[in-house]
């Protein structure tokens, strides 16, 4: 009989492992990360381009810094500060008052002098207080610095007034007092720099009027000689 030979192959069908549905949720979305990174870099480049227009970029940052921090603590500080036995209000109030005081001092003594060439201060004598408003003479002012200074200076008390209205509507009397303090400090800087700017405008108008008067006075003799028909001028004209 013929021998029968059988060959057995152990190679089975190839299978590939597929991740479970739960594992797919933990896989990083590279495209989302790339878009977030691109958005963050675009924002940084935009801020850098804006600050490049300023003559004093660090002063611009400090002009915004303490205002923004005070508002952030007021609006979001409750998420991070414990609420046990009224300690939340005390801690937040201390931080906000310190930030408001720092902003008041920086704007009054630093940012106004560098960004717009203005400064205001008061001098206390025996029984009287003298308010002094100063403006720098012949100081070139960067247009971007000027616009940023005045826009943020006016916007800050407006935001705190809105916060005051909301605190009044919600009957939050303790926050109402804090918002009132913020309005008072920011409003004092607005008033002081408005007075400085008004004095600067008045000085400019006086300078223009003085220049116009001097020009008119210098032109007066030639006009009189022309109208009176001065022979000397006629002879010179004939020559």
C-alpha atoms as a PDB file:
ATOM      1  CA  UNK A   1       0.000   0.000   0.000  1.00  0.00           C
ATOM      2  CA  UNK A   2       1.092   3.523  -0.647  1.00  0.00           C
ATOM      3  CA  UNK A   3       2.168   5.601   2.315  1.00  0.00           C
ATOM      4  CA  UNK A   4      -0.008   8.616   3.032  1.00  0.00           C
ATOM      5  CA  UNK A   5       1.781  11.771   4.207  1.00  0.00           C
ATOM      6  CA  UNK A   6      -0.110  14.563   5.973  1.00  0.00           C
ATOM      7  CA  UNK A   7       1.357  18.046   6.507  1.00  0.00           C
ATOM      8  CA  UNK A   8      -0.132  20.121   9.267  1.00  0.00           C
ATOM      9  CA  UNK A   9       0.529  23.903   9.214  1.00  0.00           C
ATOM     10  CA  UNK A  10       0.117  25.784  12.417  1.00  0.00           C
ATOM     11  CA  UNK A  11      -0.208  29.191  10.781  1.00  0.00           C
ATOM     12  CA  UNK A  12      -3.565  30.560  11.811  1.00  0.00           C
ATOM     13  CA  UNK A  13      -5.312  33.689  10.549  1.00  0.00           C
ATOM     14  CA  UNK A  14      -3.539  36.958  11.470  1.00  0.00           C
ATOM     15  CA  UNK A  15      -5.394  39.154  13.881  1.00  0.00           C
ATOM     16  CA  UNK A  16      -4.801  42.787  14.877  1.00  0.00           C
ATOM     17  CA  UNK A  17      -5.564  44.257  18.247  1.00  0.00           C
ATOM     18  CA  UNK A  18      -7.984  47.151  18.252  1.00  0.00           C
ATOM     19  CA  UNK A  19      -8.197  49.479  21.238  1.00  0.00           C
ATOM     20  CA  UNK A  20     -11.275  49.362  23.348  1.00  0.00           C
ATOM     21  CA  UNK A  21     -13.763  52.204  23.226  1.00  0.00           C
ATOM     22  CA  UNK A  22     -12.638  53.459  26.623  1.00  0.00           C
ATOM     23  CA  UNK A  23      -9.029  53.598  25.480  1.00  0.00           C
ATOM     24  CA  UNK A  24      -9.904  55.817  22.529  1.00  0.00           C
ATOM     25  CA  UNK A  25     -11.082  58.533  24.899  1.00  0.00           C
ATOM     26  CA  UNK A  26      -7.597  58.787  26.426  1.00  0.00           C
ATOM     27  CA  UNK A  27      -5.717  59.060  23.151  1.00  0.00           C
ATOM     28  CA  UNK A  28      -4.289  62.590  22.668  1.00  0.00           C
ATOM     29  CA  UNK A  29      -5.874  64.608  19.922  1.00  0.00           C
ATOM     30  CA  UNK A  30      -2.784  65.919  18.187  1.00  0.00           C
ATOM     31  CA  UNK A  31      -4.719  68.198  15.877  1.00  0.00           C
ATOM     32  CA  UNK A  32      -6.539  69.844  18.782  1.00  0.00           C
ATOM     33  CA  UNK A  33      -3.258  70.335  20.606  1.00  0.00           C
ATOM     34  CA  UNK A  34      -1.675  71.832  17.516  1.00  0.00           C
ATOM     35  CA  UNK A  35      -4.577  74.236  17.045  1.00  0.00           C
ATOM     36  CA  UNK A  36      -4.421  75.281  20.709  1.00  0.00           C
ATOM     37  CA  UNK A  37      -0.681  75.832  20.456  1.00  0.00           C
ATOM     38  CA  UNK A  38      -1.147  77.840  17.270  1.00  0.00           C
ATOM     39  CA  UNK A  39      -3.838  79.951  18.915  1.00  0.00           C
ATOM     40  CA  UNK A  40      -1.670  80.611  21.960  1.00  0.00           C
ATOM     41  CA  UNK A  41       1.341  81.577  19.863  1.00  0.00           C
ATOM     42  CA  UNK A  42      -0.841  83.845  17.717  1.00  0.00           C
ATOM     43  CA  UNK A  43      -2.129  85.635  20.823  1.00  0.00           C
ATOM     44  CA  UNK A  44       1.412  86.071  22.141  1.00  0.00           C
ATOM     45  CA  UNK A  45       2.575  87.415  18.793  1.00  0.00           C
ATOM     46  CA  UNK A  46      -0.369  89.840  18.697  1.00  0.00           C
ATOM     47  CA  UNK A  47       0.412  91.172  22.181  1.00  0.00           C
ATOM     48  CA  UNK A  48       4.101  91.431  21.318  1.00  0.00           C
ATOM     49  CA  UNK A  49       3.285  93.346  18.118  1.00  0.00           C
ATOM     50  CA  UNK A  50       1.075  95.773  20.040  1.00  0.00           C
ATOM     51  CA  UNK A  51       3.668  96.351  22.748  1.00  0.00           C
ATOM     52  CA  UNK A  52       6.278  96.946  20.046  1.00  0.00           C
ATOM     53  CA  UNK A  53       4.342 100.104  19.114  1.00  0.00           C
ATOM     54  CA  UNK A  54       4.879 101.507  22.604  1.00  0.00           C
ATOM     55  CA  UNK A  55       7.822 103.601  23.726  1.00  0.00           C
ATOM     56  CA  UNK A  56       7.438 102.196  27.261  1.00  0.00           C
ATOM     57  CA  UNK A  57       6.046  98.622  27.016  1.00  0.00           C
ATOM     58  CA  UNK A  58       6.863  97.742  30.623  1.00  0.00           C
ATOM     59  CA  UNK A  59       4.977 100.829  31.817  1.00  0.00           C
ATOM     60  CA  UNK A  60       1.972  99.775  29.720  1.00  0.00           C
ATOM     61  CA  UNK A  61       2.038  96.366  31.414  1.00  0.00           C
ATOM     62  CA  UNK A  62       2.043  97.908  34.896  1.00  0.00           C
ATOM     63  CA  UNK A  63      -0.709 100.317  33.836  1.00  0.00           C
ATOM     64  CA  UNK A  64      -2.913  97.258  33.229  1.00  0.00           C
ATOM     65  CA  UNK A  65      -1.523  94.748  35.737  1.00  0.00           C
ATOM     66  CA  UNK A  66      -2.953  95.839  39.096  1.00  0.00           C
ATOM     67  CA  UNK A  67      -6.319  96.828  37.611  1.00  0.00           C
ATOM     68  CA  UNK A  68      -6.707  93.416  36.032  1.00  0.00           C
ATOM     69  CA  UNK A  69      -5.601  91.558  39.153  1.00  0.00           C
ATOM     70  CA  UNK A  70      -8.046  93.479  41.365  1.00  0.00           C
ATOM     71  CA  UNK A  71     -10.941  92.684  39.021  1.00  0.00           C
ATOM     72  CA  UNK A  72      -9.927  89.021  38.753  1.00  0.00           C
ATOM     73  CA  UNK A  73      -9.752  88.620  42.537  1.00  0.00           C
ATOM     74  CA  UNK A  74     -13.149  90.311  42.892  1.00  0.00           C
ATOM     75  CA  UNK A  75     -14.859  88.152  40.263  1.00  0.00           C
ATOM     76  CA  UNK A  76     -13.095  84.793  40.677  1.00  0.00           C
ATOM     77  CA  UNK A  77     -11.463  84.882  44.107  1.00  0.00           C
ATOM     78  CA  UNK A  78     -14.423  83.088  45.669  1.00  0.00           C
ATOM     79  CA  UNK A  79     -13.493  79.938  43.771  1.00  0.00           C
ATOM     80  CA  UNK A  80     -10.146  79.638  45.551  1.00  0.00           C
ATOM     81  CA  UNK A  81     -10.648  81.236  48.972  1.00  0.00           C
ATOM     82  CA  UNK A  82     -12.334  79.141  51.720  1.00  0.00           C
ATOM     83  CA  UNK A  83     -15.760  80.308  52.849  1.00  0.00           C
ATOM     84  CA  UNK A  84     -15.571  79.327  56.519  1.00  0.00           C
ATOM     85  CA  UNK A  85     -16.975  81.870  59.002  1.00  0.00           C
ATOM     86  CA  UNK A  86     -16.752  84.903  56.746  1.00  0.00           C
ATOM     87  CA  UNK A  87     -13.024  84.563  56.137  1.00  0.00           C
ATOM     88  CA  UNK A  88     -13.585  84.670  52.376  1.00  0.00           C
ATOM     89  CA  UNK A  89     -14.758  88.289  52.418  1.00  0.00           C
ATOM     90  CA  UNK A  90     -11.922  89.400  54.714  1.00  0.00           C
ATOM     91  CA  UNK A  91      -9.169  87.745  52.667  1.00  0.00           C
ATOM     92  CA  UNK A  92     -10.536  88.957  49.343  1.00  0.00           C
ATOM     93  CA  UNK A  93     -11.066  92.480  50.691  1.00  0.00           C
ATOM     94  CA  UNK A  94      -7.467  92.699  51.911  1.00  0.00           C
ATOM     95  CA  UNK A  95      -6.088  91.528  48.568  1.00  0.00           C
ATOM     96  CA  UNK A  96      -8.336  93.831  46.540  1.00  0.00           C
ATOM     97  CA  UNK A  97      -7.557  96.900  48.668  1.00  0.00           C
ATOM     98  CA  UNK A  98      -3.817  96.244  48.355  1.00  0.00           C
ATOM     99  CA  UNK A  99      -4.114  95.879  44.578  1.00  0.00           C
ATOM    100  CA  UNK A 100      -6.261  99.017  44.288  1.00  0.00           C
ATOM    101  CA  UNK A 101      -3.788 101.013  46.380  1.00  0.00           C
ATOM    102  CA  UNK A 102      -0.864  99.750  44.289  1.00  0.00           C
ATOM    103  CA  UNK A 103      -2.682 100.674  41.083  1.00  0.00           C
ATOM    104  CA  UNK A 104      -3.542 104.141  42.419  1.00  0.00           C
ATOM    105  CA  UNK A 105       0.091 104.839  43.322  1.00  0.00           C
ATOM    106  CA  UNK A 106       1.534 103.452  40.067  1.00  0.00           C
ATOM    107  CA  UNK A 107      -0.890 105.383  37.852  1.00  0.00           C
ATOM    108  CA  UNK A 108      -0.523 108.599  39.849  1.00  0.00           C
ATOM    109  CA  UNK A 109       3.280 108.615  40.061  1.00  0.00           C
ATOM    110  CA  UNK A 110       4.635 106.473  37.214  1.00  0.00           C
ATOM    111  CA  UNK A 111       2.453 105.654  34.219  1.00  0.00           C
ATOM    112  CA  UNK A 112       1.018 109.132  33.690  1.00  0.00           C
ATOM    113  CA  UNK A 113       4.468 110.711  33.737  1.00  0.00           C
ATOM    114  CA  UNK A 114       5.971 108.237  31.247  1.00  0.00           C
ATOM    115  CA  UNK A 115       3.032 107.645  28.901  1.00  0.00           C
ATOM    116  CA  UNK A 116       1.453 111.106  28.566  1.00  0.00           C
ATOM    117  CA  UNK A 117       3.860 113.462  30.327  1.00  0.00           C
ATOM    118  CA  UNK A 118       1.371 114.412  33.059  1.00  0.00           C
ATOM    119  CA  UNK A 119       1.471 114.295  36.832  1.00  0.00           C
ATOM    120  CA  UNK A 120      -0.740 115.508  39.669  1.00  0.00           C
ATOM    121  CA  UNK A 121      -0.082 115.725  43.378  1.00  0.00           C
ATOM    122  CA  UNK A 122      -1.096 117.692  46.440  1.00  0.00           C
ATOM    123  CA  UNK A 123       0.865 119.724  48.936  1.00  0.00           C
ATOM    124  CA  UNK A 124      -0.375 120.054  52.504  1.00  0.00           C
ATOM    125  CA  UNK A 125       0.462 123.339  54.218  1.00  0.00           C
ATOM    126  CA  UNK A 126      -0.524 124.410  57.718  1.00  0.00           C
ATOM    127  CA  UNK A 127      -4.294 124.432  57.302  1.00  0.00           C
ATOM    128  CA  UNK A 128      -4.741 124.103  53.559  1.00  0.00           C
ATOM    129  CA  UNK A 129      -4.151 121.609  50.785  1.00  0.00           C
ATOM    130  CA  UNK A 130      -2.848 122.758  47.425  1.00  0.00           C
ATOM    131  CA  UNK A 131      -3.481 120.575  44.385  1.00  0.00           C
ATOM    132  CA  UNK A 132      -0.804 120.820  41.709  1.00  0.00           C
ATOM    133  CA  UNK A 133      -1.297 119.653  38.118  1.00  0.00           C
ATOM    134  CA  UNK A 134       1.826 119.385  35.969  1.00  0.00           C
ATOM    135  CA  UNK A 135       2.423 118.718  32.286  1.00  0.00           C
ATOM    136  CA  UNK A 136       5.821 118.134  30.692  1.00  0.00           C
ATOM    137  CA  UNK A 137       6.934 120.753  28.199  1.00  0.00           C
ATOM    138  CA  UNK A 138       8.174 119.669  24.763  1.00  0.00           C
ATOM    139  CA  UNK A 139       7.977 115.953  25.574  1.00  0.00           C
ATOM    140  CA  UNK A 140       7.150 113.787  22.530  1.00  0.00           C
ATOM    141  CA  UNK A 141       4.186 111.526  23.289  1.00  0.00           C
ATOM    142  CA  UNK A 142       3.748 108.177  21.578  1.00  0.00           C
ATOM    143  CA  UNK A 143       0.257 107.910  20.055  1.00  0.00           C
ATOM    144  CA  UNK A 144      -0.157 104.277  21.117  1.00  0.00           C
ATOM    145  CA  UNK A 145       0.909 105.081  24.684  1.00  0.00           C
ATOM    146  CA  UNK A 146      -1.507 108.009  24.846  1.00  0.00           C
ATOM    147  CA  UNK A 147      -4.467 106.001  23.552  1.00  0.00           C
ATOM    148  CA  UNK A 148      -3.764 103.076  25.875  1.00  0.00           C
ATOM    149  CA  UNK A 149      -3.339 105.332  28.899  1.00  0.00           C
ATOM    150  CA  UNK A 150      -6.580 107.275  28.462  1.00  0.00           C
ATOM    151  CA  UNK A 151      -8.675 104.285  27.323  1.00  0.00           C
ATOM    152  CA  UNK A 152      -7.714 102.131  30.308  1.00  0.00           C
ATOM    153  CA  UNK A 153      -7.885 105.079  32.704  1.00  0.00           C
ATOM    154  CA  UNK A 154     -11.519 105.808  31.739  1.00  0.00           C
ATOM    155  CA  UNK A 155     -12.546 102.155  31.379  1.00  0.00           C
ATOM    156  CA  UNK A 156     -11.459 101.115  34.875  1.00  0.00           C
ATOM    157  CA  UNK A 157     -13.960 103.213  36.911  1.00  0.00           C
ATOM    158  CA  UNK A 158     -16.735 102.352  34.445  1.00  0.00           C
ATOM    159  CA  UNK A 159     -16.214  98.635  35.121  1.00  0.00           C
ATOM    160  CA  UNK A 160     -16.252  99.216  38.887  1.00  0.00           C
ATOM    161  CA  UNK A 161     -19.428 101.288  38.588  1.00  0.00           C
ATOM    162  CA  UNK A 162     -21.057  98.318  36.843  1.00  0.00           C
ATOM    163  CA  UNK A 163     -19.848  96.064  39.672  1.00  0.00           C
ATOM    164  CA  UNK A 164     -21.311  98.518  42.185  1.00  0.00           C
ATOM    165  CA  UNK A 165     -24.697  98.385  40.466  1.00  0.00           C
ATOM    166  CA  UNK A 166     -24.706  94.583  40.508  1.00  0.00           C
ATOM    167  CA  UNK A 167     -23.732  94.535  44.190  1.00  0.00           C
ATOM    168  CA  UNK A 168     -26.588  96.937  44.955  1.00  0.00           C
ATOM    169  CA  UNK A 169     -29.106  94.857  42.999  1.00  0.00           C
ATOM    170  CA  UNK A 170     -28.023  91.678  44.821  1.00  0.00           C
ATOM    171  CA  UNK A 171     -28.065  93.458  48.226  1.00  0.00           C
ATOM    172  CA  UNK A 172     -24.387  92.658  48.845  1.00  0.00           C
ATOM    173  CA  UNK A 173     -23.695  95.631  51.098  1.00  0.00           C
ATOM    174  CA  UNK A 174     -20.166  94.551  52.052  1.00  0.00           C
ATOM    175  CA  UNK A 175     -19.157  94.262  48.392  1.00  0.00           C
ATOM    176  CA  UNK A 176     -20.950  97.524  47.678  1.00  0.00           C
ATOM    177  CA  UNK A 177     -18.563  99.362  50.012  1.00  0.00           C
ATOM    178  CA  UNK A 178     -15.551  97.719  48.395  1.00  0.00           C
ATOM    179  CA  UNK A 179     -16.733  98.637  44.901  1.00  0.00           C
ATOM    180  CA  UNK A 180     -17.360 102.189  46.079  1.00  0.00           C
ATOM    181  CA  UNK A 181     -13.761 102.398  47.293  1.00  0.00           C
ATOM    182  CA  UNK A 182     -12.536 101.155  43.904  1.00  0.00           C
ATOM    183  CA  UNK A 183     -14.640 103.774  42.107  1.00  0.00           C
ATOM    184  CA  UNK A 184     -13.275 106.508  44.397  1.00  0.00           C
ATOM    185  CA  UNK A 185      -9.607 105.586  43.869  1.00  0.00           C
ATOM    186  CA  UNK A 186      -9.868 105.146  40.114  1.00  0.00           C
ATOM    187  CA  UNK A 187     -12.060 108.240  39.816  1.00  0.00           C
ATOM    188  CA  UNK A 188      -9.462 110.327  41.670  1.00  0.00           C
ATOM    189  CA  UNK A 189      -6.875 109.486  39.019  1.00  0.00           C
ATOM    190  CA  UNK A 190      -9.357 110.271  36.253  1.00  0.00           C
ATOM    191  CA  UNK A 191     -10.100 113.685  37.772  1.00  0.00           C
ATOM    192  CA  UNK A 192      -6.440 114.485  38.423  1.00  0.00           C
ATOM    193  CA  UNK A 193      -5.284 113.634  34.917  1.00  0.00           C
ATOM    194  CA  UNK A 194      -8.275 115.353  33.356  1.00  0.00           C
ATOM    195  CA  UNK A 195      -7.250 118.529  35.182  1.00  0.00           C
ATOM    196  CA  UNK A 196      -3.658 118.056  34.022  1.00  0.00           C
ATOM    197  CA  UNK A 197      -4.838 117.623  30.452  1.00  0.00           C
ATOM    198  CA  UNK A 198      -7.074 120.700  30.737  1.00  0.00           C
ATOM    199  CA  UNK A 199      -4.134 122.769  31.971  1.00  0.00           C
ATOM    200  CA  UNK A 200      -2.034 121.468  29.112  1.00  0.00           C
ATOM    201  CA  UNK A 201      -4.726 122.425  26.597  1.00  0.00           C
ATOM    202  CA  UNK A 202      -5.026 125.871  28.173  1.00  0.00           C
ATOM    203  CA  UNK A 203      -1.251 126.360  27.923  1.00  0.00           C
ATOM    204  CA  UNK A 204      -1.312 125.299  24.284  1.00  0.00           C
ATOM    205  CA  UNK A 205      -4.143 127.710  23.492  1.00  0.00           C
ATOM    206  CA  UNK A 206      -2.298 130.544  25.229  1.00  0.00           C
ATOM    207  CA  UNK A 207       0.840 129.737  23.257  1.00  0.00           C
ATOM    208  CA  UNK A 208      -1.107 129.764  19.981  1.00  0.00           C
ATOM    209  CA  UNK A 209      -2.791 133.062  20.864  1.00  0.00           C
ATOM    210  CA  UNK A 210       0.552 134.580  21.867  1.00  0.00           C
ATOM    211  CA  UNK A 211       2.121 133.460  18.600  1.00  0.00           C
ATOM    212  CA  UNK A 212      -0.793 134.825  16.586  1.00  0.00           C
ATOM    213  CA  UNK A 213      -0.596 138.166  18.424  1.00  0.00           C
ATOM    214  CA  UNK A 214       3.146 138.470  17.831  1.00  0.00           C
ATOM    215  CA  UNK A 215       2.704 137.642  14.143  1.00  0.00           C
ATOM    216  CA  UNK A 216      -0.035 140.248  13.817  1.00  0.00           C
ATOM    217  CA  UNK A 217       2.090 142.880  15.570  1.00  0.00           C
ATOM    218  CA  UNK A 218       5.075 142.156  13.322  1.00  0.00           C
ATOM    219  CA  UNK A 219       2.903 142.476  10.208  1.00  0.00           C
ATOM    220  CA  UNK A 220       1.285 145.719  11.355  1.00  0.00           C
ATOM    221  CA  UNK A 221       4.108 148.155  10.313  1.00  0.00           C
ATOM    222  CA  UNK A 222       4.308 146.770   6.790  1.00  0.00           C
ATOM    223  CA  UNK A 223       0.542 146.919   6.435  1.00  0.00           C
ATOM    224  CA  UNK A 224       0.450 150.527   7.649  1.00  0.00           C
ATOM    225  CA  UNK A 225       3.236 151.549   5.283  1.00  0.00           C
ATOM    226  CA  UNK A 226       1.432 149.882   2.403  1.00  0.00           C
ATOM    227  CA  UNK A 227      -1.893 151.544   3.190  1.00  0.00           C
ATOM    228  CA  UNK A 228      -0.362 154.979   3.776  1.00  0.00           C
ATOM    229  CA  UNK A 229       1.595 154.836   0.507  1.00  0.00           C
ATOM    230  CA  UNK A 230       5.072 155.337   1.965  1.00  0.00           C
ATOM    231  CA  UNK A 231       7.284 156.978  -0.719  1.00  0.00           C
ATOM    232  CA  UNK A 232      10.260 154.967   0.384  1.00  0.00           C
ATOM    233  CA  UNK A 233       8.470 151.707  -0.245  1.00  0.00           C
ATOM    234  CA  UNK A 234       7.124 152.990  -3.583  1.00  0.00           C
ATOM    235  CA  UNK A 235      10.624 154.050  -4.654  1.00  0.00           C
ATOM    236  CA  UNK A 236      12.018 150.685  -3.671  1.00  0.00           C
ATOM    237  CA  UNK A 237       9.230 149.016  -5.592  1.00  0.00           C
ATOM    238  CA  UNK A 238      10.019 151.139  -8.680  1.00  0.00           C
ATOM    239  CA  UNK A 239      13.642 150.154  -8.517  1.00  0.00           C
END
